[in-house]
Amino acid sequence: MSTMNISLPETLKSFVDDQVNQRGYGTSSEYVRELIRKDQDRQQLRAMLLAGASSVPTSAADADYFESLRGSVRNAKR
């Protein structure tokens, strides 16, 4: 694992320390890693939403569509 040192103003350091204590993180590094992972997930979701929004519409997502999905899942479990 690589190391990265960051500088924080005292107010942000206090905030991080409080989050570590209140939310059960072992270290401030664990807390920061979790924030980075959540940001990565958010960026990935945003990219997927934008890709979906700019894609060509297909058939409607109506009751028949969802029933066919349920059928696919039931068949995959067999």
Protein backbone atom coordinates (compact mmCIF):
# COMPACT_ATOMS: atom_id res chain seq x y z
CA MET A 1 0.00 0.00 0.00
CA SER A 2 1.26 3.48 -0.83
CA THR A 3 1.36 6.38 1.57
CA MET A 4 -0.02 9.86 0.96
CA ASN A 5 0.32 12.71 3.41
CA ILE A 6 -2.28 15.45 3.38
CA SER A 7 -2.48 18.75 5.21
CA LEU A 8 -5.77 19.81 6.77
CA PRO A 9 -6.77 22.92 8.64
CA GLU A 10 -7.50 22.20 12.29
CA THR A 11 -11.28 22.39 11.75
CA LEU A 12 -11.19 19.63 9.12
CA LYS A 13 -8.81 17.50 11.18
CA SER A 14 -11.19 17.79 14.14
CA PHE A 15 -14.09 16.81 11.90
CA VAL A 16 -12.21 13.74 10.62
CA ASP A 17 -11.23 12.75 14.16
CA ASP A 18 -14.87 13.07 15.27
CA GLN A 19 -16.06 10.93 12.36
CA VAL A 20 -13.46 8.26 13.14
CA ASN A 21 -14.60 8.11 16.76
CA GLN A 22 -18.34 8.34 16.14
CA ARG A 23 -18.55 5.98 13.18
CA GLY A 24 -16.23 3.24 14.39
CA TYR A 25 -13.30 3.65 12.03
CA GLY A 26 -9.97 2.42 13.37
CA THR A 27 -7.95 5.24 11.84
CA SER A 28 -8.39 8.43 9.89
CA SER A 29 -6.92 6.57 6.89
CA GLU A 30 -9.84 4.11 6.96
CA TYR A 31 -12.28 7.02 6.96
CA VAL A 32 -10.55 8.77 4.05
CA ARG A 33 -10.36 5.51 2.04
CA GLU A 34 -14.11 5.04 2.55
CA LEU A 35 -14.78 8.59 1.33
CA ILE A 36 -12.66 7.97 -1.77
CA ARG A 37 -14.44 4.68 -2.52
CA LYS A 38 -17.83 6.39 -2.19
CA ASP A 39 -16.68 9.15 -4.54
CA GLN A 40 -15.51 6.54 -7.07
CA ASP A 41 -18.91 4.82 -6.84
CA ARG A 42 -20.68 8.17 -7.28
CA GLN A 43 -18.63 9.00 -10.36
CA GLN A 44 -19.27 5.56 -11.85
CA LEU A 45 -23.01 5.87 -11.23
CA ARG A 46 -23.03 9.35 -12.77
CA ALA A 47 -21.25 8.04 -15.87
CA MET A 48 -23.76 5.19 -16.21
CA LEU A 49 -26.71 7.56 -15.76
CA LEU A 50 -25.34 9.94 -18.37
CA ALA A 51 -24.70 7.06 -20.76
CA GLY A 52 -28.24 5.81 -20.22
CA ALA A 53 -29.72 9.26 -20.67
CA SER A 54 -27.92 9.73 -23.97
CA SER A 55 -28.67 6.25 -25.31
CA VAL A 56 -31.34 5.51 -27.87
CA PRO A 57 -34.66 4.61 -26.23
CA THR A 58 -35.78 1.02 -26.65
CA SER A 59 -39.02 -0.65 -25.69
CA ALA A 60 -41.00 0.67 -22.76
CA ALA A 61 -40.25 -0.60 -19.27
CA ASP A 62 -43.82 -1.67 -18.58
CA ALA A 63 -45.31 -4.56 -16.59
CA ASP A 64 -44.52 -7.07 -19.37
CA TYR A 65 -40.89 -6.00 -19.42
CA PHE A 66 -40.50 -6.53 -15.68
CA GLU A 67 -42.31 -9.86 -15.83
CA SER A 68 -39.87 -11.04 -18.51
CA LEU A 69 -36.99 -10.02 -16.24
CA ARG A 70 -38.47 -12.01 -13.37
CA GLY A 71 -38.84 -14.98 -15.69
CA SER A 72 -35.19 -14.70 -16.73
CA VAL A 73 -34.12 -14.67 -13.10
CA ARG A 74 -36.30 -17.68 -12.28
CA ASN A 75 -34.87 -19.61 -15.22
CA ALA A 76 -31.29 -18.69 -14.25
CA LYS A 77 -31.82 -20.11 -10.75
CA ARG A 78 -32.70 -23.54 -12.16
